[in-house]
């Protein structure tokens, strides 16, 4: 990421802010979608709003994607938990990928997991973050990350194989 673009966005340059949001939107969507499921676009929008409002707080330009990932995970879990409280039922994952049948099967299995389990699965198995980073992003102890990941993988496997 261009440090000049980030600095310009931090100064409030509307073109730089737009360019930065355009660059970050797909990344945010890839994080929020699997966690917040059908509410993924809402979570992504909430994330981008927080990033837009808080970009001035970013001190290390090299940490942009980690900082955005932290916000995206927090917002996706918040939106998913709120949506489940309102509907009482798990949401559906939006369609993605070339193999629609496989994508539909994966979405169905993910929809049966809690937002917390989806978040830890996305962080560890999709984003490839380490346990300590996942712990920090989710604001839970490392032991909780390990147990959630174990239960999430176990639940995913059980539903997938049935």
Protein backbone atom coordinates (compact mmCIF):
# COMPACT_ATOMS: atom_id res chain seq x y z
CA UNK A 1 0.00 0.00 0.00
CA UNK A 2 1.29 3.43 -0.89
CA UNK A 3 2.16 5.40 2.26
CA UNK A 4 1.41 8.60 0.31
CA UNK A 5 -2.16 7.42 -0.32
CA UNK A 6 -2.66 6.67 3.37
CA UNK A 7 -1.20 10.02 4.43
CA UNK A 8 -3.43 11.85 1.95
CA UNK A 9 -6.46 9.95 3.24
CA UNK A 10 -5.48 10.84 6.80
CA UNK A 11 -5.39 14.51 5.78
CA UNK A 12 -8.97 14.15 4.51
CA UNK A 13 -8.30 14.18 0.77
CA UNK A 14 -11.62 12.89 -0.66
CA UNK A 15 -10.00 11.28 -3.71
CA UNK A 16 -7.45 9.46 -1.56
CA UNK A 17 -10.18 8.36 0.84
CA UNK A 18 -12.20 6.99 -2.07
CA UNK A 19 -9.20 5.21 -3.55
CA UNK A 20 -8.33 3.73 -0.16
CA UNK A 21 -11.90 2.48 0.38
CA UNK A 22 -11.88 0.98 -3.14
CA UNK A 23 -8.66 -0.89 -2.32
CA UNK A 24 -9.86 -2.10 1.07
CA UNK A 25 -13.45 -3.07 0.16
CA UNK A 26 -12.67 -6.49 -1.40
CA UNK A 27 -10.37 -7.41 1.51
CA UNK A 28 -13.00 -6.39 4.05
CA UNK A 29 -15.67 -8.32 2.15
CA UNK A 30 -13.58 -11.50 2.19
CA UNK A 31 -13.34 -11.25 5.97
CA UNK A 32 -16.89 -10.15 6.80
CA UNK A 33 -18.75 -12.46 4.41
CA UNK A 34 -17.94 -15.81 5.98
CA UNK A 35 -18.40 -14.47 9.50
CA UNK A 36 -21.56 -12.39 9.15
CA UNK A 37 -23.04 -14.54 6.35
CA UNK A 38 -25.97 -12.79 4.62
CA UNK A 39 -25.24 -9.75 6.74
CA UNK A 40 -21.66 -9.68 5.41
CA UNK A 41 -22.30 -6.62 3.21
CA UNK A 42 -23.66 -4.74 6.24
CA UNK A 43 -20.64 -5.74 8.31
CA UNK A 44 -18.30 -4.71 5.48
CA UNK A 45 -20.04 -1.34 5.22
CA UNK A 46 -19.82 -0.83 9.00
CA UNK A 47 -16.14 -1.74 8.85
CA UNK A 48 -15.41 0.74 6.07
CA UNK A 49 -17.26 3.47 7.97
CA UNK A 50 -15.13 2.82 11.06
CA UNK A 51 -11.98 2.81 8.93
CA UNK A 52 -13.01 6.04 7.24
CA UNK A 53 -13.72 7.76 10.54
CA UNK A 54 -10.63 6.41 12.29
CA UNK A 55 -7.96 6.50 9.58
CA UNK A 56 -6.27 9.39 11.38
CA UNK A 57 -5.53 7.08 14.33
CA UNK A 58 -3.39 4.75 12.22
CA UNK A 59 0.24 5.46 13.06
CA UNK A 60 2.13 2.75 11.18
CA UNK A 61 1.18 2.65 7.50
CA UNK A 62 2.58 -0.88 7.22
CA UNK A 63 -0.02 -2.05 9.75
CA UNK A 64 -2.99 -0.93 7.64
CA UNK A 65 -4.25 -4.39 6.68
CA UNK A 66 -3.85 -5.78 10.20
CA UNK A 67 -5.65 -2.76 11.63
CA UNK A 68 -8.46 -3.12 9.08
CA UNK A 69 -8.68 -6.88 9.73
CA UNK A 70 -9.14 -6.20 13.45
CA UNK A 71 -11.99 -3.80 12.75
CA UNK A 72 -13.57 -6.14 10.17
CA UNK A 73 -13.60 -9.15 12.50
CA UNK A 74 -15.04 -7.11 15.35
CA UNK A 75 -17.76 -5.59 13.17
CA UNK A 76 -18.62 -8.90 11.46
CA UNK A 77 -19.05 -10.71 14.76
CA UNK A 78 -21.08 -7.80 16.17
CA UNK A 79 -23.38 -7.70 13.13
CA UNK A 80 -23.77 -11.51 13.05
CA UNK A 81 -24.62 -11.72 16.74
CA UNK A 82 -27.10 -8.84 16.42
CA UNK A 83 -28.73 -10.45 13.37
CA UNK A 84 -29.08 -13.79 15.11
CA UNK A 85 -30.64 -12.10 18.15
CA UNK A 86 -33.17 -10.38 15.91
CA UNK A 87 -34.06 -13.35 13.70
CA UNK A 88 -33.31 -16.21 16.07
CA UNK A 89 -32.03 -18.22 13.11
CA UNK A 90 -28.67 -18.47 11.38
CA UNK A 91 -28.32 -16.45 8.19
CA UNK A 92 -27.18 -17.64 4.80
CA UNK A 93 -23.75 -17.03 3.33
CA UNK A 94 -23.83 -14.96 0.13
CA UNK A 95 -22.98 -16.80 -3.07
CA UNK A 96 -19.34 -16.75 -4.16
CA UNK A 97 -16.83 -18.72 -6.16
CA UNK A 98 -16.86 -20.62 -9.43
CA UNK A 99 -18.19 -23.95 -8.11
CA UNK A 100 -21.66 -22.89 -6.97
CA UNK A 101 -22.62 -26.34 -5.68
CA UNK A 102 -19.56 -26.60 -3.45
CA UNK A 103 -19.93 -22.95 -2.37
CA UNK A 104 -23.56 -23.63 -1.44
CA UNK A 105 -22.57 -26.69 0.59
CA UNK A 106 -19.89 -24.74 2.45
CA UNK A 107 -22.27 -21.84 3.10
CA UNK A 108 -24.85 -24.26 4.48
CA UNK A 109 -22.33 -25.76 6.89
CA UNK A 110 -20.97 -22.36 7.96
CA UNK A 111 -24.49 -21.08 8.56
CA UNK A 112 -24.91 -23.72 11.25
CA UNK A 113 -21.93 -22.44 13.24
CA UNK A 114 -22.03 -19.55 15.68
CA UNK A 115 -20.53 -16.21 14.65
CA UNK A 116 -17.69 -16.76 17.12
CA UNK A 117 -16.85 -20.15 15.56
CA UNK A 118 -17.06 -18.75 12.02
CA UNK A 119 -14.75 -15.89 13.04
CA UNK A 120 -12.06 -18.18 14.42
CA UNK A 121 -12.31 -20.48 11.38
CA UNK A 122 -11.95 -17.57 8.97
CA UNK A 123 -9.01 -16.11 10.86
CA UNK A 124 -7.08 -19.35 11.27
CA UNK A 125 -8.03 -21.39 8.19
CA UNK A 126 -8.78 -18.73 5.58
CA UNK A 127 -6.67 -15.74 6.62
CA UNK A 128 -3.92 -17.95 8.06
CA UNK A 129 -3.31 -15.83 11.14
CA UNK A 130 -1.53 -17.40 14.09
CA UNK A 131 -3.16 -18.19 17.41
CA UNK A 132 -1.78 -15.13 19.20
CA UNK A 133 -3.04 -12.80 16.48
CA UNK A 134 -6.47 -14.46 16.45
CA UNK A 135 -6.57 -14.12 20.22
CA UNK A 136 -5.80 -10.43 19.98
CA UNK A 137 -8.27 -9.80 17.14
CA UNK A 138 -11.09 -11.62 18.91
CA UNK A 139 -10.17 -10.18 22.32
CA UNK A 140 -10.20 -13.61 23.95
CA UNK A 141 -7.44 -15.67 25.59
CA UNK A 142 -5.38 -18.04 23.39
CA UNK A 143 -6.97 -21.01 25.12
CA UNK A 144 -10.39 -19.79 24.04
CA UNK A 145 -9.16 -19.50 20.45
CA UNK A 146 -7.88 -23.08 20.60
CA UNK A 147 -11.11 -24.45 22.08
CA UNK A 148 -13.33 -22.48 19.68
CA UNK A 149 -11.25 -23.57 16.72
CA UNK A 150 -11.37 -27.19 17.85
CA UNK A 151 -15.15 -27.07 18.34
CA UNK A 152 -15.68 -25.15 15.09
CA UNK A 153 -13.65 -27.64 13.05
CA UNK A 154 -15.35 -30.55 14.80
CA UNK A 155 -18.81 -29.09 14.14
CA UNK A 156 -17.94 -28.24 10.55
CA UNK A 157 -16.62 -31.76 9.95
CA UNK A 158 -19.66 -33.39 11.61
CA UNK A 159 -22.16 -31.42 9.53
CA UNK A 160 -20.09 -31.78 6.34
CA UNK A 161 -19.93 -35.56 6.65
CA UNK A 162 -23.61 -36.04 7.46
